[in-house]
Amino acid sequence: MTKRHVVVLLGLAAVVALVSGHFLQAQEKLIDTQKVMMENAFVRVIAVRVPAGVAEPVHSHARGVTIALTDYDNETRVPGAQWSKSHTKFGEVKWAEPVTHEARNTGKTEQHVIRVELK
């Protein structure tokens, strides 16, 4: 997938978020690996960069779309559950419902994603 495709996917994700009509009562606090790129009354766009070998503490996400900008391997778990391993490829787009979890980058490459969360 080319960078142009990723830009188109990001644009489409933002449009979907804007017209979806889903709203959250409160926005979750960000952790060190997350940075707000843009925010308005409808969405919050977050850049997530997790270096190889780094673990993120328990945190929450609103429902939204995640677009992978790198290939990466990670593990996640919701409190009290087993770790779940996954491999994500550059350009993958995933929908996720609200979640509270912890995560760790178990691969050799940085995890870099853009997350478009609905308000």
PDB file of N, CA and C in Angstrom:
ATOM      1  N   MET A   1       0.844  -1.167   0.000  1.00  0.00           N
ATOM      2  CA  MET A   1       0.000   0.000   0.000  1.00  0.00           C
ATOM      3  C   MET A   1       0.898   1.242   0.000  1.00  0.00           C
ATOM      4  N   THR A   2       0.570   2.206  -0.849  1.00  0.00           N
ATOM      5  CA  THR A   2       1.382   3.411  -0.951  1.00  0.00           C
ATOM      6  C   THR A   2       0.970   4.450   0.076  1.00  0.00           C
ATOM      7  N   LYS A   3       1.822   5.453   0.238  1.00  0.00           N
ATOM      8  CA  LYS A   3       1.492   6.538   1.164  1.00  0.00           C
ATOM      9  C   LYS A   3       0.227   7.253   0.718  1.00  0.00           C
ATOM     10  N   ARG A   4       0.021   7.353  -0.583  1.00  0.00           N
ATOM     11  CA  ARG A   4      -1.196   7.993  -1.092  1.00  0.00           C
ATOM     12  C   ARG A   4      -2.430   7.222  -0.641  1.00  0.00           C
ATOM     13  N   HIS A   5      -2.361   5.897  -0.681  1.00  0.00           N
ATOM     14  CA  HIS A   5      -3.485   5.087  -0.222  1.00  0.00           C
ATOM     15  C   HIS A   5      -3.765   5.334   1.260  1.00  0.00           C
ATOM     16  N   VAL A   6      -2.701   5.444   2.045  1.00  0.00           N
ATOM     17  CA  VAL A   6      -2.868   5.686   3.475  1.00  0.00           C
ATOM     18  C   VAL A   6      -3.538   7.037   3.705  1.00  0.00           C
ATOM     19  N   VAL A   7      -3.130   8.063   2.961  1.00  0.00           N
ATOM     20  CA  VAL A   7      -3.740   9.388   3.099  1.00  0.00           C
ATOM     21  C   VAL A   7      -5.226   9.322   2.739  1.00  0.00           C
ATOM     22  N   VAL A   8      -5.551   8.599   1.675  1.00  0.00           N
ATOM     23  CA  VAL A   8      -6.954   8.437   1.285  1.00  0.00           C
ATOM     24  C   VAL A   8      -7.716   7.715   2.383  1.00  0.00           C
ATOM     25  N   LEU A   9      -7.134   6.650   2.951  1.00  0.00           N
ATOM     26  CA  LEU A   9      -7.796   5.915   4.031  1.00  0.00           C
ATOM     27  C   LEU A   9      -8.022   6.790   5.252  1.00  0.00           C
ATOM     28  N   LEU A  10      -7.027   7.619   5.580  1.00  0.00           N
ATOM     29  CA  LEU A  10      -7.190   8.531   6.714  1.00  0.00           C
ATOM     30  C   LEU A  10      -8.339   9.507   6.463  1.00  0.00           C
ATOM     31  N   GLY A  11      -8.402  10.024   5.259  1.00  0.00           N
ATOM     32  CA  GLY A  11      -9.491  10.933   4.908  1.00  0.00           C
ATOM     33  C   GLY A  11     -10.847  10.261   4.999  1.00  0.00           C
ATOM     34  N   LEU A  12     -10.932   9.044   4.478  1.00  0.00           N
ATOM     35  CA  LEU A  12     -12.190   8.299   4.543  1.00  0.00           C
ATOM     36  C   LEU A  12     -12.582   7.999   5.983  1.00  0.00           C
ATOM     37  N   ALA A  13     -11.604   7.642   6.807  1.00  0.00           N
ATOM     38  CA  ALA A  13     -11.895   7.365   8.212  1.00  0.00           C
ATOM     39  C   ALA A  13     -12.448   8.609   8.896  1.00  0.00           C
ATOM     40  N   ALA A  14     -11.890   9.759   8.597  1.00  0.00           N
ATOM     41  CA  ALA A  14     -12.379  10.999   9.199  1.00  0.00           C
ATOM     42  C   ALA A  14     -13.805  11.300   8.750  1.00  0.00           C
ATOM     43  N   VAL A  15     -14.090  11.083   7.467  1.00  0.00           N
ATOM     44  CA  VAL A  15     -15.443  11.318   6.956  1.00  0.00           C
ATOM     45  C   VAL A  15     -16.437  10.378   7.622  1.00  0.00           C
ATOM     46  N   VAL A  16     -16.074   9.095   7.730  1.00  0.00           N
ATOM     47  CA  VAL A  16     -16.955   8.129   8.398  1.00  0.00           C
ATOM     48  C   VAL A  16     -17.231   8.569   9.824  1.00  0.00           C
ATOM     49  N   ALA A  17     -16.197   8.997  10.512  1.00  0.00           N
ATOM     50  CA  ALA A  17     -16.360   9.433  11.890  1.00  0.00           C
ATOM     51  C   ALA A  17     -17.274  10.656  11.982  1.00  0.00           C
ATOM     52  N   LEU A  18     -17.144  11.571  11.054  1.00  0.00           N
ATOM     53  CA  LEU A  18     -17.945  12.790  11.098  1.00  0.00           C
ATOM     54  C   LEU A  18     -19.421  12.536  10.852  1.00  0.00           C
ATOM     55  N   VAL A  19     -19.747  11.574  10.006  1.00  0.00           N
ATOM     56  CA  VAL A  19     -21.150  11.341   9.664  1.00  0.00           C
ATOM     57  C   VAL A  19     -21.792  10.238  10.487  1.00  0.00           C
ATOM     58  N   SER A  20     -21.045   9.611  11.357  1.00  0.00           N
ATOM     59  CA  SER A  20     -21.581   8.459  12.089  1.00  0.00           C
ATOM     60  C   SER A  20     -22.615   8.827  13.137  1.00  0.00           C
ATOM     61  N   GLY A  21     -22.468   9.988  13.757  1.00  0.00           N
ATOM     62  CA  GLY A  21     -23.440  10.417  14.745  1.00  0.00           C
ATOM     63  C   GLY A  21     -23.276   9.801  16.125  1.00  0.00           C
ATOM     64  N   HIS A  22     -22.186   9.072  16.386  1.00  0.00           N
ATOM     65  CA  HIS A  22     -21.953   8.493  17.708  1.00  0.00           C
ATOM     66  C   HIS A  22     -21.223   9.507  18.575  1.00  0.00           C
ATOM     67  N   PHE A  23     -21.644   9.629  19.830  1.00  0.00           N
ATOM     68  CA  PHE A  23     -21.027  10.578  20.741  1.00  0.00           C
ATOM     69  C   PHE A  23     -20.676   9.894  22.042  1.00  0.00           C
ATOM     70  N   LEU A  24     -19.593  10.304  22.668  1.00  0.00           N
ATOM     71  CA  LEU A  24     -19.173   9.797  23.979  1.00  0.00           C
ATOM     72  C   LEU A  24     -19.425  10.869  25.023  1.00  0.00           C
ATOM     73  N   GLN A  25     -19.619  10.438  26.248  1.00  0.00           N
ATOM     74  CA  GLN A  25     -19.853  11.384  27.327  1.00  0.00           C
ATOM     75  C   GLN A  25     -18.573  12.114  27.718  1.00  0.00           C
ATOM     76  N   ALA A  26     -17.425  11.435  27.707  1.00  0.00           N
ATOM     77  CA  ALA A  26     -16.172  12.058  28.114  1.00  0.00           C
ATOM     78  C   ALA A  26     -15.028  11.459  27.316  1.00  0.00           C
ATOM     79  N   GLN A  27     -13.993  12.244  27.104  1.00  0.00           N
ATOM     80  CA  GLN A  27     -12.830  11.763  26.387  1.00  0.00           C
ATOM     81  C   GLN A  27     -11.838  11.152  27.363  1.00  0.00           C
ATOM     82  N   GLU A  28     -11.209  10.076  26.922  1.00  0.00           N
ATOM     83  CA  GLU A  28     -10.227   9.389  27.748  1.00  0.00           C
ATOM     84  C   GLU A  28      -8.932  10.195  27.783  1.00  0.00           C
ATOM     85  N   LYS A  29      -8.195  10.073  28.881  1.00  0.00           N
ATOM     86  CA  LYS A  29      -6.899  10.725  29.008  1.00  0.00           C
ATOM     87  C   LYS A  29      -5.883   9.999  28.136  1.00  0.00           C
ATOM     88  N   LEU A  30      -4.941  10.745  27.587  1.00  0.00           N
ATOM     89  CA  LEU A  30      -3.894  10.159  26.758  1.00  0.00           C
ATOM     90  C   LEU A  30      -2.734   9.688  27.620  1.00  0.00           C
ATOM     91  N   ILE A  31      -1.992   8.714  27.092  1.00  0.00           N
ATOM     92  CA  ILE A  31      -0.764   8.264  27.737  1.00  0.00           C
ATOM     93  C   ILE A  31       0.418   8.762  26.917  1.00  0.00           C
ATOM     94  N   ASP A  32       1.636   8.524  27.397  1.00  0.00           N
ATOM     95  CA  ASP A  32       2.850   9.090  26.785  1.00  0.00           C
ATOM     96  C   ASP A  32       3.044   8.741  25.316  1.00  0.00           C
ATOM     97  N   THR A  33       2.538   7.600  24.872  1.00  0.00           N
ATOM     98  CA  THR A  33       2.747   7.164  23.491  1.00  0.00           C
ATOM     99  C   THR A  33       1.735   7.769  22.522  1.00  0.00           C
ATOM    100  N   GLN A  34       0.819   8.591  23.023  1.00  0.00           N
ATOM    101  CA  GLN A  34      -0.265   9.148  22.206  1.00  0.00           C
ATOM    102  C   GLN A  34      -0.169  10.669  22.133  1.00  0.00           C
ATOM    103  N   LYS A  35      -0.509  11.214  20.946  1.00  0.00           N
ATOM    104  CA  LYS A  35      -0.489  12.666  20.757  1.00  0.00           C
ATOM    105  C   LYS A  35      -1.699  13.063  19.905  1.00  0.00           C
ATOM    106  N   VAL A  36      -2.468  14.033  20.383  1.00  0.00           N
ATOM    107  CA  VAL A  36      -3.619  14.511  19.610  1.00  0.00           C
ATOM    108  C   VAL A  36      -3.110  15.290  18.398  1.00  0.00           C
ATOM    109  N   MET A  37      -3.580  14.893  17.226  1.00  0.00           N
ATOM    110  CA  MET A  37      -3.222  15.577  15.981  1.00  0.00           C
ATOM    111  C   MET A  37      -4.276  16.612  15.595  1.00  0.00           C
ATOM    112  N   MET A  38      -5.538  16.294  15.926  1.00  0.00           N
ATOM    113  CA  MET A  38      -6.656  17.164  15.567  1.00  0.00           C
ATOM    114  C   MET A  38      -7.856  16.753  16.407  1.00  0.00           C
ATOM    115  N   GLU A  39      -8.661  17.734  16.788  1.00  0.00           N
ATOM    116  CA  GLU A  39      -9.856  17.435  17.571  1.00  0.00           C
ATOM    117  C   GLU A  39     -10.920  18.463  17.250  1.00  0.00           C
ATOM    118  N   ASN A  40     -12.168  17.994  17.145  1.00  0.00           N
ATOM    119  CA  ASN A  40     -13.295  18.901  16.991  1.00  0.00           C
ATOM    120  C   ASN A  40     -14.484  18.316  17.748  1.00  0.00           C
ATOM    121  N   ALA A  41     -15.679  18.803  17.489  1.00  0.00           N
ATOM    122  CA  ALA A  41     -16.859  18.352  18.217  1.00  0.00           C
ATOM    123  C   ALA A  41     -17.245  16.911  17.907  1.00  0.00           C
ATOM    124  N   PHE A  42     -16.704  16.337  16.833  1.00  0.00           N
ATOM    125  CA  PHE A  42     -17.119  15.015  16.383  1.00  0.00           C
ATOM    126  C   PHE A  42     -16.073  13.912  16.573  1.00  0.00           C
ATOM    127  N   VAL A  43     -14.789  14.271  16.399  1.00  0.00           N
ATOM    128  CA  VAL A  43     -13.723  13.263  16.444  1.00  0.00           C
ATOM    129  C   VAL A  43     -12.502  13.795  17.171  1.00  0.00           C
ATOM    130  N   ARG A  44     -11.656  12.845  17.568  1.00  0.00           N
ATOM    131  CA  ARG A  44     -10.322  13.145  18.069  1.00  0.00           C
ATOM    132  C   ARG A  44      -9.388  12.234  17.299  1.00  0.00           C
ATOM    133  N   VAL A  45      -8.397  12.822  16.627  1.00  0.00           N
ATOM    134  CA  VAL A  45      -7.430  12.061  15.835  1.00  0.00           C
ATOM    135  C   VAL A  45      -6.132  12.004  16.629  1.00  0.00           C
ATOM    136  N   ILE A  46      -5.669  10.775  16.876  1.00  0.00           N
ATOM    137  CA  ILE A  46      -4.515  10.558  17.744  1.00  0.00           C
ATOM    138  C   ILE A  46      -3.427   9.803  16.978  1.00  0.00           C
ATOM    139  N   ALA A  47      -2.191  10.285  17.070  1.00  0.00           N
ATOM    140  CA  ALA A  47      -1.035   9.545  16.559  1.00  0.00           C
ATOM    141  C   ALA A  47      -0.503   8.717  17.727  1.00  0.00           C
ATOM    142  N   VAL A  48      -0.312   7.432  17.473  1.00  0.00           N
ATOM    143  CA  VAL A  48       0.216   6.533  18.496  1.00  0.00           C
ATOM    144  C   VAL A  48       1.554   5.995  17.997  1.00  0.00           C
ATOM    145  N   ARG A  49       2.599   6.150  18.800  1.00  0.00           N
ATOM    146  CA  ARG A  49       3.935   5.654  18.469  1.00  0.00           C
ATOM    147  C   ARG A  49       4.468   4.892  19.671  1.00  0.00           C
ATOM    148  N   VAL A  50       4.606   3.579  19.510  1.00  0.00           N
ATOM    149  CA  VAL A  50       5.099   2.731  20.593  1.00  0.00           C
ATOM    150  C   VAL A  50       6.395   2.074  20.115  1.00  0.00           C
ATOM    151  N   PRO A  51       7.534   2.467  20.675  1.00  0.00           N
ATOM    152  CA  PRO A  51       8.803   1.863  20.271  1.00  0.00           C
ATOM    153  C   PRO A  51       8.825   0.356  20.558  1.00  0.00           C
ATOM    154  N   ALA A  52       9.644  -0.366  19.804  1.00  0.00           N
ATOM    155  CA  ALA A  52       9.810  -1.804  20.027  1.00  0.00           C
ATOM    156  C   ALA A  52      10.194  -2.057  21.477  1.00  0.00           C
ATOM    157  N   GLY A  53       9.524  -3.037  22.096  1.00  0.00           N
ATOM    158  CA  GLY A  53       9.832  -3.420  23.462  1.00  0.00           C
ATOM    159  C   GLY A  53       9.150  -2.602  24.542  1.00  0.00           C
ATOM    160  N   VAL A  54       8.411  -1.581  24.173  1.00  0.00           N
ATOM    161  CA  VAL A  54       7.767  -0.707  25.162  1.00  0.00           C
ATOM    162  C   VAL A  54       6.361  -1.200  25.486  1.00  0.00           C
ATOM    163  N   ALA A  55       6.014  -1.126  26.767  1.00  0.00           N
ATOM    164  CA  ALA A  55       4.668  -1.504  27.227  1.00  0.00           C
ATOM    165  C   ALA A  55       3.892  -0.243  27.586  1.00  0.00           C
ATOM    166  N   GLU A  56       2.609  -0.249  27.267  1.00  0.00           N
ATOM    167  CA  GLU A  56       1.719   0.842  27.643  1.00  0.00           C
ATOM    168  C   GLU A  56       0.904   0.413  28.862  1.00  0.00           C
ATOM    169  N   PRO A  57       0.709   1.294  29.826  1.00  0.00           N
ATOM    170  CA  PRO A  57      -0.100   0.937  30.992  1.00  0.00           C
ATOM    171  C   PRO A  57      -1.572   0.820  30.605  1.00  0.00           C
ATOM    172  N   VAL A  58      -2.368   0.388  31.553  1.00  0.00           N
ATOM    173  CA  VAL A  58      -3.809   0.297  31.312  1.00  0.00           C
ATOM    174  C   VAL A  58      -4.326   1.677  30.901  1.00  0.00           C
ATOM    175  N   HIS A  59      -5.081   1.704  29.794  1.00  0.00           N
ATOM    176  CA  HIS A  59      -5.655   2.939  29.272  1.00  0.00           C
ATOM    177  C   HIS A  59      -6.924   2.595  28.501  1.00  0.00           C
ATOM    178  N   SER A  60      -7.675   3.606  28.116  1.00  0.00           N
ATOM    179  CA  SER A  60      -8.941   3.394  27.426  1.00  0.00           C
ATOM    180  C   SER A  60      -8.961   4.092  26.076  1.00  0.00           C
ATOM    181  N   HIS A  61      -9.770   3.511  25.177  1.00  0.00           N
ATOM    182  CA  HIS A  61     -10.011   4.097  23.859  1.00  0.00           C
ATOM    183  C   HIS A  61     -11.511   4.221  23.648  1.00  0.00           C
ATOM    184  N   ALA A  62     -11.915   5.287  22.992  1.00  0.00           N
ATOM    185  CA  ALA A  62     -13.296   5.402  22.534  1.00  0.00           C
ATOM    186  C   ALA A  62     -13.441   4.546  21.275  1.00  0.00           C
ATOM    187  N   ARG A  63     -14.676   4.348  20.823  1.00  0.00           N
ATOM    188  CA  ARG A  63     -14.858   3.593  19.577  1.00  0.00           C
ATOM    189  C   ARG A  63     -14.247   4.387  18.438  1.00  0.00           C
ATOM    190  N   GLY A  64     -13.709   3.672  17.461  1.00  0.00           N
ATOM    191  CA  GLY A  64     -13.103   4.367  16.342  1.00  0.00           C
ATOM    192  C   GLY A  64     -12.345   3.465  15.400  1.00  0.00           C
ATOM    193  N   VAL A  65     -11.650   4.107  14.489  1.00  0.00           N
ATOM    194  CA  VAL A  65     -10.899   3.452  13.428  1.00  0.00           C
ATOM    195  C   VAL A  65      -9.408   3.649  13.673  1.00  0.00           C
ATOM    196  N   THR A  66      -8.631   2.574  13.480  1.00  0.00           N
ATOM    197  CA  THR A  66      -7.173   2.646  13.589  1.00  0.00           C
ATOM    198  C   THR A  66      -6.563   2.284  12.248  1.00  0.00           C
ATOM    199  N   ILE A  67      -5.609   3.104  11.785  1.00  0.00           N
ATOM    200  CA  ILE A  67      -4.912   2.872  10.521  1.00  0.00           C
ATOM    201  C   ILE A  67      -3.437   2.670  10.827  1.00  0.00           C
ATOM    202  N   ALA A  68      -2.897   1.516  10.423  1.00  0.00           N
ATOM    203  CA  ALA A  68      -1.491   1.185  10.709  1.00  0.00           C
ATOM    204  C   ALA A  68      -0.569   1.855   9.699  1.00  0.00           C
ATOM    205  N   LEU A  69       0.446   2.555  10.197  1.00  0.00           N
ATOM    206  CA  LEU A  69       1.448   3.194   9.347  1.00  0.00           C
ATOM    207  C   LEU A  69       2.759   2.422   9.337  1.00  0.00           C
ATOM    208  N   THR A  70       2.826   1.322  10.100  1.00  0.00           N
ATOM    209  CA  THR A  70       3.975   0.415  10.085  1.00  0.00           C
ATOM    210  C   THR A  70       3.469  -1.003  10.306  1.00  0.00           C
ATOM    211  N   ASP A  71       4.294  -1.978   9.959  1.00  0.00           N
ATOM    212  CA  ASP A  71       4.056  -3.360  10.381  1.00  0.00           C
ATOM    213  C   ASP A  71       4.519  -3.442  11.832  1.00  0.00           C
ATOM    214  N   TYR A  72       3.792  -4.177  12.678  1.00  0.00           N
ATOM    215  CA  TYR A  72       4.235  -4.338  14.064  1.00  0.00           C
ATOM    216  C   TYR A  72       3.583  -5.562  14.698  1.00  0.00           C
ATOM    217  N   ASP A  73       4.212  -6.032  15.761  1.00  0.00           N
ATOM    218  CA  ASP A  73       3.692  -7.136  16.567  1.00  0.00           C
ATOM    219  C   ASP A  73       3.409  -6.592  17.956  1.00  0.00           C
ATOM    220  N   ASN A  74       2.255  -6.962  18.507  1.00  0.00           N
ATOM    221  CA  ASN A  74       1.976  -6.531  19.868  1.00  0.00           C
ATOM    222  C   ASN A  74       1.107  -7.544  20.593  1.00  0.00           C
ATOM    223  N   GLU A  75       0.968  -7.303  21.881  1.00  0.00           N
ATOM    224  CA  GLU A  75       0.102  -8.094  22.739  1.00  0.00           C
ATOM    225  C   GLU A  75      -0.772  -7.128  23.512  1.00  0.00           C
ATOM    226  N   THR A  76      -2.022  -7.499  23.698  1.00  0.00           N
ATOM    227  CA  THR A  76      -2.946  -6.684  24.478  1.00  0.00           C
ATOM    228  C   THR A  76      -3.730  -7.582  25.423  1.00  0.00           C
ATOM    229  N   ARG A  77      -4.265  -6.964  26.468  1.00  0.00           N
ATOM    230  CA  ARG A  77      -5.183  -7.688  27.343  1.00  0.00           C
ATOM    231  C   ARG A  77      -6.058  -6.694  28.090  1.00  0.00           C
ATOM    232  N   VAL A  78      -7.277  -7.116  28.317  1.00  0.00           N
ATOM    233  CA  VAL A  78      -8.168  -6.344  29.183  1.00  0.00           C
ATOM    234  C   VAL A  78      -7.850  -6.794  30.607  1.00  0.00           C
ATOM    235  N   PRO A  79      -8.083  -5.942  31.594  1.00  0.00           N
ATOM    236  CA  PRO A  79      -7.751  -6.319  32.977  1.00  0.00           C
ATOM    237  C   PRO A  79      -8.350  -7.669  33.366  1.00  0.00           C
ATOM    238  N   GLY A  80      -7.504  -8.523  33.932  1.00  0.00           N
ATOM    239  CA  GLY A  80      -7.932  -9.829  34.404  1.00  0.00           C
ATOM    240  C   GLY A  80      -7.961 -10.932  33.362  1.00  0.00           C
ATOM    241  N   ALA A  81      -7.649 -10.624  32.119  1.00  0.00           N
ATOM    242  CA  ALA A  81      -7.691 -11.625  31.049  1.00  0.00           C
ATOM    243  C   ALA A  81      -6.285 -12.029  30.612  1.00  0.00           C
ATOM    244  N   GLN A  82      -6.205 -12.987  29.722  1.00  0.00           N
ATOM    245  CA  GLN A  82      -4.937 -13.445  29.164  1.00  0.00           C
ATOM    246  C   GLN A  82      -4.457 -12.470  28.082  1.00  0.00           C
ATOM    247  N   TRP A  83      -3.147 -12.457  27.842  1.00  0.00           N
ATOM    248  CA  TRP A  83      -2.573 -11.651  26.762  1.00  0.00           C
ATOM    249  C   TRP A  83      -2.987 -12.251  25.422  1.00  0.00           C
ATOM    250  N   SER A  84      -3.265 -11.377  24.455  1.00  0.00           N
ATOM    251  CA  SER A  84      -3.632 -11.778  23.099  1.00  0.00           C
ATOM    252  C   SER A  84      -2.603 -11.202  22.128  1.00  0.00           C
ATOM    253  N   LYS A  85      -1.951 -12.077  21.346  1.00  0.00           N
ATOM    254  CA  LYS A  85      -0.920 -11.643  20.399  1.00  0.00           C
ATOM    255  C   LYS A  85      -1.548 -11.306  19.047  1.00  0.00           C
ATOM    256  N   SER A  86      -0.947 -10.314  18.354  1.00  0.00           N
ATOM    257  CA  SER A  86      -1.403 -10.003  17.001  1.00  0.00           C
ATOM    258  C   SER A  86      -0.257  -9.417  16.181  1.00  0.00           C
ATOM    259  N   HIS A  87      -0.400  -9.547  14.874  1.00  0.00           N
ATOM    260  CA  HIS A  87       0.528  -8.930  13.922  1.00  0.00           C
ATOM    261  C   HIS A  87      -0.309  -8.018  13.036  1.00  0.00           C
ATOM    262  N   THR A  88       0.132  -6.792  12.883  1.00  0.00           N
ATOM    263  CA  THR A  88      -0.579  -5.825  12.045  1.00  0.00           C
ATOM    264  C   THR A  88       0.336  -5.395  10.922  1.00  0.00           C
ATOM    265  N   LYS A  89      -0.232  -5.273   9.725  1.00  0.00           N
ATOM    266  CA  LYS A  89       0.535  -4.873   8.547  1.00  0.00           C
ATOM    267  C   LYS A  89       0.267  -3.412   8.199  1.00  0.00           C
ATOM    268  N   PHE A  90       1.273  -2.768   7.641  1.00  0.00           N
ATOM    269  CA  PHE A  90       1.148  -1.397   7.152  1.00  0.00           C
ATOM    270  C   PHE A  90      -0.109  -1.278   6.281  1.00  0.00           C
ATOM    271  N   GLY A  91      -0.920  -0.271   6.543  1.00  0.00           N
ATOM    272  CA  GLY A  91      -2.113  -0.030   5.742  1.00  0.00           C
ATOM    273  C   GLY A  91      -3.377  -0.687   6.258  1.00  0.00           C
ATOM    274  N   GLU A  92      -3.271  -1.597   7.238  1.00  0.00           N
ATOM    275  CA  GLU A  92      -4.474  -2.240   7.787  1.00  0.00           C
ATOM    276  C   GLU A  92      -5.343  -1.195   8.474  1.00  0.00           C
ATOM    277  N   VAL A  93      -6.641  -1.342   8.290  1.00  0.00           N
ATOM    278  CA  VAL A  93      -7.617  -0.456   8.919  1.00  0.00           C
ATOM    279  C   VAL A  93      -8.524  -1.328   9.772  1.00  0.00           C
ATOM    280  N   LYS A  94      -8.667  -0.953  11.052  1.00  0.00           N
ATOM    281  CA  LYS A  94      -9.473  -1.753  11.977  1.00  0.00           C
ATOM    282  C   LYS A  94     -10.472  -0.873  12.703  1.00  0.00           C
ATOM    283  N   TRP A  95     -11.683  -1.394  12.889  1.00  0.00           N
ATOM    284  CA  TRP A  95     -12.696  -0.759  13.718  1.00  0.00           C
ATOM    285  C   TRP A  95     -12.612  -1.369  15.111  1.00  0.00           C
ATOM    286  N   ALA A  96     -12.811  -0.564  16.134  1.00  0.00           N
ATOM    287  CA  ALA A  96     -12.821  -1.089  17.505  1.00  0.00           C
ATOM    288  C   ALA A  96     -13.882  -0.366  18.320  1.00  0.00           C
ATOM    289  N   GLU A  97     -14.582  -1.133  19.117  1.00  0.00           N
ATOM    290  CA  GLU A  97     -15.526  -0.587  20.086  1.00  0.00           C
ATOM    291  C   GLU A  97     -14.717  -0.072  21.282  1.00  0.00           C
ATOM    292  N   PRO A  98     -15.346   0.689  22.184  1.00  0.00           N
ATOM    293  CA  PRO A  98     -14.612   1.200  23.351  1.00  0.00           C
ATOM    294  C   PRO A  98     -13.954   0.061  24.125  1.00  0.00           C
ATOM    295  N   VAL A  99     -12.744   0.316  24.608  1.00  0.00           N
ATOM    296  CA  VAL A  99     -12.016  -0.722  25.332  1.00  0.00           C
ATOM    297  C   VAL A  99     -11.094  -0.087  26.368  1.00  0.00           C
ATOM    298  N   THR A 100     -10.911  -0.791  27.460  1.00  0.00           N
ATOM    299  CA  THR A 100      -9.874  -0.467  28.442  1.00  0.00           C
ATOM    300  C   THR A 100      -8.936  -1.654  28.449  1.00  0.00           C
ATOM    301  N   HIS A 101      -7.655  -1.412  28.182  1.00  0.00           N
ATOM    302  CA  HIS A 101      -6.686  -2.503  28.064  1.00  0.00           C
ATOM    303  C   HIS A 101      -5.282  -2.004  28.335  1.00  0.00           C
ATOM    304  N   GLU A 102      -4.352  -2.946  28.368  1.00  0.00           N
ATOM    305  CA  GLU A 102      -2.928  -2.608  28.369  1.00  0.00           C
ATOM    306  C   GLU A 102      -2.328  -3.277  27.147  1.00  0.00           C
ATOM    307  N   ALA A 103      -1.209  -2.741  26.681  1.00  0.00           N
ATOM    308  CA  ALA A 103      -0.607  -3.261  25.451  1.00  0.00           C
ATOM    309  C   ALA A 103       0.907  -3.177  25.547  1.00  0.00           C
ATOM    310  N   ARG A 104       1.564  -4.003  24.746  1.00  0.00           N
ATOM    311  CA  ARG A 104       3.023  -3.936  24.665  1.00  0.00           C
ATOM    312  C   ARG A 104       3.460  -4.301  23.248  1.00  0.00           C
ATOM    313  N   ASN A 105       4.446  -3.568  22.772  1.00  0.00           N
ATOM    314  CA  ASN A 105       5.017  -3.815  21.453  1.00  0.00           C
ATOM    315  C   ASN A 105       6.060  -4.916  21.617  1.00  0.00           C
ATOM    316  N   THR A 106       5.770  -6.096  21.090  1.00  0.00           N
ATOM    317  CA  THR A 106       6.654  -7.248  21.256  1.00  0.00           C
ATOM    318  C   THR A 106       7.550  -7.483  20.052  1.00  0.00           C
ATOM    319  N   GLY A 107       7.433  -6.630  19.050  1.00  0.00           N
ATOM    320  CA  GLY A 107       8.211  -6.818  17.832  1.00  0.00           C
ATOM    321  C   GLY A 107       9.519  -6.050  17.832  1.00  0.00           C
ATOM    322  N   LYS A 108      10.099  -5.952  16.642  1.00  0.00           N
ATOM    323  CA  LYS A 108      11.376  -5.263  16.466  1.00  0.00           C
ATOM    324  C   LYS A 108      11.220  -3.930  15.760  1.00  0.00           C
ATOM    325  N   THR A 109       9.967  -3.547  15.467  1.00  0.00           N
ATOM    326  CA  THR A 109       9.704  -2.282  14.787  1.00  0.00           C
ATOM    327  C   THR A 109       8.761  -1.430  15.628  1.00  0.00           C
ATOM    328  N   GLU A 110       8.823  -0.126  15.422  1.00  0.00           N
ATOM    329  CA  GLU A 110       7.917   0.791  16.110  1.00  0.00           C
ATOM    330  C   GLU A 110       6.484   0.558  15.651  1.00  0.00           C
ATOM    331  N   GLN A 111       5.556   0.612  16.586  1.00  0.00           N
ATOM    332  CA  GLN A 111       4.133   0.603  16.250  1.00  0.00           C
ATOM    333  C   GLN A 111       3.743   2.054  16.010  1.00  0.00           C
ATOM    334  N   HIS A 112       3.326   2.372  14.798  1.00  0.00           N
ATOM    335  CA  HIS A 112       2.887   3.734  14.479  1.00  0.00           C
ATOM    336  C   HIS A 112       1.516   3.621  13.839  1.00  0.00           C
ATOM    337  N   VAL A 113       0.507   4.178  14.507  1.00  0.00           N
ATOM    338  CA  VAL A 113      -0.859   4.138  13.988  1.00  0.00           C
ATOM    339  C   VAL A 113      -1.497   5.507  14.152  1.00  0.00           C
ATOM    340  N   ILE A 114      -2.532   5.737  13.354  1.00  0.00           N
ATOM    341  CA  ILE A 114      -3.399   6.878  13.519  1.00  0.00           C
ATOM    342  C   ILE A 114      -4.740   6.332  13.976  1.00  0.00           C
ATOM    343  N   ARG A 115      -5.265   6.910  15.032  1.00  0.00           N
ATOM    344  CA  ARG A 115      -6.557   6.463  15.583  1.00  0.00           C
ATOM    345  C   ARG A 115      -7.542   7.614  15.498  1.00  0.00           C
ATOM    346  N   VAL A 116      -8.690   7.371  14.862  1.00  0.00           N
ATOM    347  CA  VAL A 116      -9.752   8.350  14.760  1.00  0.00           C
ATOM    348  C   VAL A 116     -10.867   7.902  15.699  1.00  0.00           C
ATOM    349  N   GLU A 117     -11.000   8.591  16.834  1.00  0.00           N
ATOM    350  CA  GLU A 117     -11.990   8.220  17.840  1.00  0.00           C
ATOM    351  C   GLU A 117     -13.213   9.114  17.737  1.00  0.00           C
ATOM    352  N   LEU A 118     -14.379   8.495  17.852  1.00  0.00           N
ATOM    353  CA  LEU A 118     -15.633   9.236  17.800  1.00  0.00           C
ATOM    354  C   LEU A 118     -15.954   9.839  19.151  1.00  0.00           C
ATOM    355  N   LYS A 119     -16.568  10.998  19.148  1.00  0.00           N
ATOM    356  CA  LYS A 119     -17.002  11.626  20.406  1.00  0.00           C
ATOM    357  C   LYS A 119     -18.481  11.360  20.598  1.00  0.00           C
TER     358      LYS A 119
END
